[in-house]
Each structure stands twice: as structure tokens, then as C-alpha cells.
PDB file of all heavy atoms in Angstrom:
ATOM      1  N   ARG A   1     138.914 153.878 225.108  1.00  0.00           N
ATOM      2  CA  ARG A   1     139.047 154.902 224.073  1.00  0.00           C
ATOM      3  C   ARG A   1     139.185 154.260 222.694  1.00  0.00           C
ATOM      4  O   ARG A   1     138.558 154.692 221.724  1.00  0.00           O
ATOM      5  CB  ARG A   1     140.261 155.787 224.362  1.00  0.00           C
ATOM      6  CG  ARG A   1     140.424 156.932 223.375  1.00  0.00           C
ATOM      7  CD  ARG A   1     141.595 157.800 223.778  1.00  0.00           C
ATOM      8  NE  ARG A   1     142.795 157.013 223.933  1.00  0.00           N
ATOM      9  CZ  ARG A   1     143.833 157.064 223.108  1.00  0.00           C
ATOM     10  NH1 ARG A   1     143.833 157.890 222.096  1.00  0.00           N
ATOM     11  NH2 ARG A   1     144.885 156.310 223.315  1.00  0.00           N
ATOM     12  N   GLN A   2     139.972 153.200 222.580  1.00  0.00           N
ATOM     13  CA  GLN A   2     140.144 152.512 221.300  1.00  0.00           C
ATOM     14  C   GLN A   2     138.837 151.883 220.824  1.00  0.00           C
ATOM     15  O   GLN A   2     138.502 151.948 219.639  1.00  0.00           O
ATOM     16  CB  GLN A   2     141.227 151.432 221.416  1.00  0.00           C
ATOM     17  CG  GLN A   2     142.614 151.969 221.570  1.00  0.00           C
ATOM     18  CD  GLN A   2     143.099 152.685 220.316  1.00  0.00           C
ATOM     19  OE1 GLN A   2     142.728 152.350 219.208  1.00  0.00           O
ATOM     20  NE2 GLN A   2     143.913 153.701 220.508  1.00  0.00           N
ATOM     21  N   ILE A   3     138.101 151.277 221.739  1.00  0.00           N
ATOM     22  CA  ILE A   3     136.820 150.665 221.383  1.00  0.00           C
ATOM     23  C   ILE A   3     135.838 151.734 220.928  1.00  0.00           C
ATOM     24  O   ILE A   3     135.126 151.567 219.940  1.00  0.00           O
ATOM     25  CB  ILE A   3     136.262 149.853 222.568  1.00  0.00           C
ATOM     26  CG1 ILE A   3     137.126 148.605 222.776  1.00  0.00           C
ATOM     27  CG2 ILE A   3     134.808 149.469 222.344  1.00  0.00           C
ATOM     28  CD1 ILE A   3     136.849 147.868 224.066  1.00  0.00           C
ATOM     29  N   SER A   4     135.805 152.857 221.632  1.00  0.00           N
ATOM     30  CA  SER A   4     134.918 153.953 221.258  1.00  0.00           C
ATOM     31  C   SER A   4     135.268 154.498 219.876  1.00  0.00           C
ATOM     32  O   SER A   4     134.374 154.741 219.048  1.00  0.00           O
ATOM     33  CB  SER A   4     135.010 155.071 222.298  1.00  0.00           C
ATOM     34  OG  SER A   4     134.226 156.170 221.924  1.00  0.00           O
ATOM     35  N   LEU A   5     136.565 154.685 219.622  1.00  0.00           N
ATOM     36  CA  LEU A   5     136.986 155.168 218.304  1.00  0.00           C
ATOM     37  C   LEU A   5     136.611 154.179 217.205  1.00  0.00           C
ATOM     38  O   LEU A   5     136.147 154.579 216.129  1.00  0.00           O
ATOM     39  CB  LEU A   5     138.493 155.420 218.284  1.00  0.00           C
ATOM     40  CG  LEU A   5     138.989 156.619 219.066  1.00  0.00           C
ATOM     41  CD1 LEU A   5     140.515 156.620 219.122  1.00  0.00           C
ATOM     42  CD2 LEU A   5     138.476 157.914 218.470  1.00  0.00           C
ATOM     43  N   SER A   6     136.788 152.900 217.471  1.00  0.00           N
ATOM     44  CA  SER A   6     136.428 151.875 216.488  1.00  0.00           C
ATOM     45  C   SER A   6     134.927 151.880 216.217  1.00  0.00           C
ATOM     46  O   SER A   6     134.493 151.785 215.067  1.00  0.00           O
ATOM     47  CB  SER A   6     136.855 150.489 216.976  1.00  0.00           C
ATOM     48  OG  SER A   6     138.249 150.415 217.073  1.00  0.00           O
ATOM     49  N   ASP A   7     134.132 151.995 217.284  1.00  0.00           N
ATOM     50  CA  ASP A   7     132.677 152.044 217.121  1.00  0.00           C
ATOM     51  C   ASP A   7     132.255 153.255 216.298  1.00  0.00           C
ATOM     52  O   ASP A   7     131.408 153.152 215.413  1.00  0.00           O
ATOM     53  CB  ASP A   7     131.984 152.090 218.488  1.00  0.00           C
ATOM     54  CG  ASP A   7     132.030 150.759 219.211  1.00  0.00           C
ATOM     55  OD1 ASP A   7     132.371 149.736 218.574  1.00  0.00           O
ATOM     56  OD2 ASP A   7     131.729 150.749 220.422  1.00  0.00           O
ATOM     57  N   GLU A   8     132.856 154.407 216.600  1.00  0.00           N
ATOM     58  CA  GLU A   8     132.513 155.623 215.861  1.00  0.00           C
ATOM     59  C   GLU A   8     132.914 155.501 214.390  1.00  0.00           C
ATOM     60  O   GLU A   8     132.164 155.914 213.501  1.00  0.00           O
ATOM     61  CB  GLU A   8     133.197 156.829 216.490  1.00  0.00           C
ATOM     62  CG  GLU A   8     132.634 157.225 217.839  1.00  0.00           C
ATOM     63  CD  GLU A   8     133.426 158.334 218.501  1.00  0.00           C
ATOM     64  OE1 GLU A   8     134.262 158.977 217.829  1.00  0.00           O
ATOM     65  OE2 GLU A   8     133.210 158.555 219.704  1.00  0.00           O
ATOM     66  N   LEU A   9     134.088 154.940 214.144  1.00  0.00           N
ATOM     67  CA  LEU A   9     134.554 154.773 212.770  1.00  0.00           C
ATOM     68  C   LEU A   9     133.640 153.824 211.993  1.00  0.00           C
ATOM     69  O   LEU A   9     133.242 154.122 210.860  1.00  0.00           O
ATOM     70  CB  LEU A   9     135.990 154.254 212.756  1.00  0.00           C
ATOM     71  CG  LEU A   9     136.618 154.024 211.389  1.00  0.00           C
ATOM     72  CD1 LEU A   9     136.686 155.330 210.603  1.00  0.00           C
ATOM     73  CD2 LEU A   9     138.009 153.427 211.546  1.00  0.00           C
ATOM     74  N   LEU A  10     133.285 152.704 212.599  1.00  0.00           N
ATOM     75  CA  LEU A  10     132.393 151.756 211.923  1.00  0.00           C
ATOM     76  C   LEU A  10     131.009 152.355 211.685  1.00  0.00           C
ATOM     77  O   LEU A  10     130.394 152.126 210.634  1.00  0.00           O
ATOM     78  CB  LEU A  10     132.292 150.461 212.717  1.00  0.00           C
ATOM     79  CG  LEU A  10     133.533 149.582 212.696  1.00  0.00           C
ATOM     80  CD1 LEU A  10     133.373 148.398 213.633  1.00  0.00           C
ATOM     81  CD2 LEU A  10     133.841 149.115 211.287  1.00  0.00           C
ATOM     82  N   ALA A  11     130.513 153.125 212.641  1.00  0.00           N
ATOM     83  CA  ALA A  11     129.211 153.771 212.460  1.00  0.00           C
ATOM     84  C   ALA A  11     129.261 154.775 211.311  1.00  0.00           C
ATOM     85  O   ALA A  11     128.327 154.856 210.503  1.00  0.00           O
ATOM     86  CB  ALA A  11     128.771 154.452 213.750  1.00  0.00           C
ATOM     87  N   ALA A  12     130.340 155.535 211.218  1.00  0.00           N
ATOM     88  CA  ALA A  12     130.484 156.509 210.125  1.00  0.00           C
ATOM     89  C   ALA A  12     130.586 155.804 208.779  1.00  0.00           C
ATOM     90  O   ALA A  12     129.989 156.255 207.790  1.00  0.00           O
ATOM     91  CB  ALA A  12     131.722 157.384 210.358  1.00  0.00           C
ATOM     92  N   ILE A  13     131.306 154.690 208.725  1.00  0.00           N
ATOM     93  CA  ILE A  13     131.426 153.930 207.479  1.00  0.00           C
ATOM     94  C   ILE A  13     130.067 153.370 207.077  1.00  0.00           C
ATOM     95  O   ILE A  13     129.668 153.452 205.906  1.00  0.00           O
ATOM     96  CB  ILE A  13     132.471 152.802 207.636  1.00  0.00           C
ATOM     97  CG1 ILE A  13     133.870 153.403 207.745  1.00  0.00           C
ATOM     98  CG2 ILE A  13     132.400 151.819 206.473  1.00  0.00           C
ATOM     99  CD1 ILE A  13     134.940 152.413 208.156  1.00  0.00           C
ATOM    100  N   ALA A  14     129.350 152.814 208.031  1.00  0.00           N
ATOM    101  CA  ALA A  14     128.022 152.259 207.730  1.00  0.00           C
ATOM    102  C   ALA A  14     127.061 153.349 207.269  1.00  0.00           C
ATOM    103  O   ALA A  14     126.276 153.139 206.334  1.00  0.00           O
ATOM    104  CB  ALA A  14     127.471 151.547 208.964  1.00  0.00           C
ATOM    105  N   GLN A  15     127.116 154.501 207.909  1.00  0.00           N
ATOM    106  CA  GLN A  15     126.238 155.603 207.523  1.00  0.00           C
ATOM    107  C   GLN A  15     126.548 156.073 206.104  1.00  0.00           C
ATOM    108  O   GLN A  15     125.640 156.324 205.314  1.00  0.00           O
ATOM    109  CB  GLN A  15     126.381 156.760 208.512  1.00  0.00           C
ATOM    110  CG  GLN A  15     125.433 157.913 208.224  1.00  0.00           C
ATOM    111  CD  GLN A  15     125.589 159.017 209.255  1.00  0.00           C
ATOM    112  OE1 GLN A  15     126.546 159.042 210.032  1.00  0.00           O
ATOM    113  NE2 GLN A  15     124.646 159.938 209.270  1.00  0.00           N
ATOM    114  N   GLU A  16     127.821 156.173 205.774  1.00  0.00           N
ATOM    115  CA  GLU A  16     128.203 156.598 204.428  1.00  0.00           C
ATOM    116  C   GLU A  16     127.822 155.538 203.395  1.00  0.00           C
ATOM    117  O   GLU A  16     127.330 155.871 202.303  1.00  0.00           O
ATOM    118  CB  GLU A  16     129.706 156.881 204.364  1.00  0.00           C
ATOM    119  CG  GLU A  16     130.195 157.363 203.026  1.00  0.00           C
ATOM    120  CD  GLU A  16     129.606 158.696 202.580  1.00  0.00           C
ATOM    121  OE1 GLU A  16     128.998 159.426 203.403  1.00  0.00           O
ATOM    122  OE2 GLU A  16     129.753 159.029 201.384  1.00  0.00           O
ATOM    123  N   ALA A  17     127.994 154.275 203.726  1.00  0.00           N
ATOM    124  CA  ALA A  17     127.586 153.208 202.805  1.00  0.00           C
ATOM    125  C   ALA A  17     126.085 153.239 202.600  1.00  0.00           C
ATOM    126  O   ALA A  17     125.586 153.056 201.477  1.00  0.00           O
ATOM    127  CB  ALA A  17     128.029 151.852 203.341  1.00  0.00           C
ATOM    128  N   GLN A  18     125.333 153.481 203.665  1.00  0.00           N
ATOM    129  CA  GLN A  18     123.878 153.576 203.554  1.00  0.00           C
ATOM    130  C   GLN A  18     123.489 154.757 202.673  1.00  0.00           C
ATOM    131  O   GLN A  18     122.608 154.656 201.827  1.00  0.00           O
ATOM    132  CB  GLN A  18     123.262 153.742 204.954  1.00  0.00           C
ATOM    133  CG  GLN A  18     121.761 153.959 204.959  1.00  0.00           C
ATOM    134  CD  GLN A  18     121.015 152.752 204.438  1.00  0.00           C
ATOM    135  OE1 GLN A  18     121.389 151.628 204.721  1.00  0.00           O
ATOM    136  NE2 GLN A  18     119.982 152.968 203.664  1.00  0.00           N
ATOM    137  N   ARG A  19     124.165 155.881 202.851  1.00  0.00           N
ATOM    138  CA  ARG A  19     123.865 157.064 202.053  1.00  0.00           C
ATOM    139  C   ARG A  19     124.154 156.812 200.577  1.00  0.00           C
ATOM    140  O   ARG A  19     123.365 157.159 199.707  1.00  0.00           O
ATOM    141  CB  ARG A  19     124.694 158.250 202.554  1.00  0.00           C
ATOM    142  CG  ARG A  19     124.327 159.582 201.895  1.00  0.00           C
ATOM    143  CD  ARG A  19     125.286 160.684 202.298  1.00  0.00           C
ATOM    144  NE  ARG A  19     126.623 160.513 201.771  1.00  0.00           N
ATOM    145  CZ  ARG A  19     126.965 160.763 200.500  1.00  0.00           C
ATOM    146  NH1 ARG A  19     126.069 161.154 199.624  1.00  0.00           N
ATOM    147  NH2 ARG A  19     128.214 160.610 200.101  1.00  0.00           N
ATOM    148  N   LYS A  20     125.292 156.169 200.301  1.00  0.00           N
ATOM    149  CA  LYS A  20     125.678 155.937 198.906  1.00  0.00           C
ATOM    150  C   LYS A  20     124.811 154.884 198.216  1.00  0.00           C
ATOM    151  O   LYS A  20     124.522 155.008 197.038  1.00  0.00           O
ATOM    152  CB  LYS A  20     127.143 155.540 198.823  1.00  0.00           C
ATOM    153  CG  LYS A  20     128.061 156.706 199.025  1.00  0.00           C
ATOM    154  CD  LYS A  20     129.458 156.348 198.593  1.00  0.00           C
ATOM    155  CE  LYS A  20     130.310 157.583 198.661  1.00  0.00           C
ATOM    156  NZ  LYS A  20     130.896 157.932 197.417  1.00  0.00           N
ATOM    157  N   THR A  21     124.444 153.843 198.944  1.00  0.00           N
ATOM    158  CA  THR A  21     123.656 152.781 198.311  1.00  0.00           C
ATOM    159  C   THR A  21     122.181 153.114 198.278  1.00  0.00           C
ATOM    160  O   THR A  21     121.467 152.634 197.402  1.00  0.00           O
ATOM    161  CB  THR A  21     123.833 151.437 199.041  1.00  0.00           C
ATOM    162  OG1 THR A  21     123.382 151.563 200.384  1.00  0.00           O
ATOM    163  CG2 THR A  21     125.276 150.969 198.999  1.00  0.00           C
ATOM    164  N   GLY A  22     121.744 153.898 199.232  1.00  0.00           N
ATOM    165  CA  GLY A  22     120.326 154.253 199.280  1.00  0.00           C
ATOM    166  C   GLY A  22     119.443 153.036 199.459  1.00  0.00           C
ATOM    167  O   GLY A  22     118.311 153.001 198.970  1.00  0.00           O
ATOM    168  N   ALA A  23     119.934 152.027 200.116  1.00  0.00           N
ATOM    169  CA  ALA A  23     119.191 150.786 200.287  1.00  0.00           C
ATOM    170  C   ALA A  23     118.029 150.985 201.255  1.00  0.00           C
ATOM    171  O   ALA A  23     118.213 151.075 202.455  1.00  0.00           O
ATOM    172  CB  ALA A  23     120.128 149.690 200.785  1.00  0.00           C
ATOM    173  N   THR A  24     116.851 151.080 200.712  1.00  0.00           N
ATOM    174  CA  THR A  24     115.644 151.170 201.524  1.00  0.00           C
ATOM    175  C   THR A  24     114.629 150.168 200.989  1.00  0.00           C
ATOM    176  O   THR A  24     114.685 149.755 199.834  1.00  0.00           O
ATOM    177  CB  THR A  24     115.021 152.578 201.486  1.00  0.00           C
ATOM    178  OG1 THR A  24     114.704 152.914 200.138  1.00  0.00           O
ATOM    179  CG2 THR A  24     115.951 153.611 202.076  1.00  0.00           C
ATOM    180  N   ALA A  25     113.717 149.800 201.837  1.00  0.00           N
ATOM    181  CA  ALA A  25     112.633 148.900 201.429  1.00  0.00           C
ATOM    182  C   ALA A  25     111.319 149.583 201.758  1.00  0.00           C
ATOM    183  O   ALA A  25     111.193 150.273 202.766  1.00  0.00           O
ATOM    184  CB  ALA A  25     112.749 147.573 202.163  1.00  0.00           C
ATOM    185  N   THR A  26     110.361 149.423 200.875  1.00  0.00           N
ATOM    186  CA  THR A  26     109.041 150.000 201.085  1.00  0.00           C
ATOM    187  C   THR A  26     108.052 148.870 201.281  1.00  0.00           C
ATOM    188  O   THR A  26     108.093 147.865 200.577  1.00  0.00           O
ATOM    189  CB  THR A  26     108.636 150.847 199.866  1.00  0.00           C
ATOM    190  OG1 THR A  26     109.654 151.829 199.648  1.00  0.00           O
ATOM    191  CG2 THR A  26     107.318 151.550 200.100  1.00  0.00           C
ATOM    192  N   ALA A  27     107.184 149.037 202.260  1.00  0.00           N
ATOM    193  CA  ALA A  27     106.202 147.988 202.548  1.00  0.00           C
ATOM    194  C   ALA A  27     104.846 148.625 202.822  1.00  0.00           C
ATOM    195  O   ALA A  27     104.757 149.778 203.255  1.00  0.00           O
ATOM    196  CB  ALA A  27     106.663 147.173 203.741  1.00  0.00           C
ATOM    197  N   TYR A  28     103.807 147.850 202.521  1.00  0.00           N
ATOM    198  CA  TYR A  28     102.451 148.260 202.833  1.00  0.00           C
ATOM    199  C   TYR A  28     102.015 147.562 204.106  1.00  0.00           C
ATOM    200  O   TYR A  28     102.253 146.380 204.284  1.00  0.00           O
ATOM    201  CB  TYR A  28     101.486 147.866 201.701  1.00  0.00           C
ATOM    202  CG  TYR A  28     101.638 148.708 200.472  1.00  0.00           C
ATOM    203  CD1 TYR A  28     102.390 148.270 199.395  1.00  0.00           C
ATOM    204  CD2 TYR A  28     101.018 149.950 200.389  1.00  0.00           C
ATOM    205  CE1 TYR A  28     102.533 149.037 198.261  1.00  0.00           C
ATOM    206  CE2 TYR A  28     101.159 150.733 199.255  1.00  0.00           C
ATOM    207  CZ  TYR A  28     101.911 150.267 198.198  1.00  0.00           C
ATOM    208  OH  TYR A  28     102.044 151.034 197.083  1.00  0.00           O
ATOM    209  N   GLY A  29     101.351 148.303 204.954  1.00  0.00           N
ATOM    210  CA  GLY A  29     100.808 147.724 206.166  1.00  0.00           C
ATOM    211  C   GLY A  29      99.412 147.195 205.929  1.00  0.00           C
ATOM    212  O   GLY A  29      98.830 147.361 204.848  1.00  0.00           O
ATOM    213  N   ALA A  30      98.855 146.545 206.935  1.00  0.00           N
ATOM    214  CA  ALA A  30      97.522 145.952 206.828  1.00  0.00           C
ATOM    215  C   ALA A  30      96.454 147.008 206.559  1.00  0.00           C
ATOM    216  O   ALA A  30      95.476 146.741 205.874  1.00  0.00           O
ATOM    217  CB  ALA A  30      97.190 145.194 208.107  1.00  0.00           C
ATOM    218  N   GLY A  31      96.655 148.211 207.054  1.00  0.00           N
ATOM    219  CA  GLY A  31      95.677 149.273 206.854  1.00  0.00           C
ATOM    220  C   GLY A  31      95.919 150.061 205.568  1.00  0.00           C
ATOM    221  O   GLY A  31      95.276 151.087 205.336  1.00  0.00           O
TER     222      GLY A  31
END
């Protein structure tokens, strides 16, 4: 239960950090 709670908390923190930073990369493919 503690490991699951920690995983959920870290996932929520990472998701919020991703949302706030908006860190995305754009790439062109060969086609």
C-alpha cells in the first residue's frame, strides 16, 4: 500500500510538472 501510494504521488507530481513546463519536442520524420 505504501509503495502504491508513493508511485501514485510521484506520477501525479510528474504529470503536474509536465503540464506546467509544457516540455515537448517536435521532430520531422523521414517522410
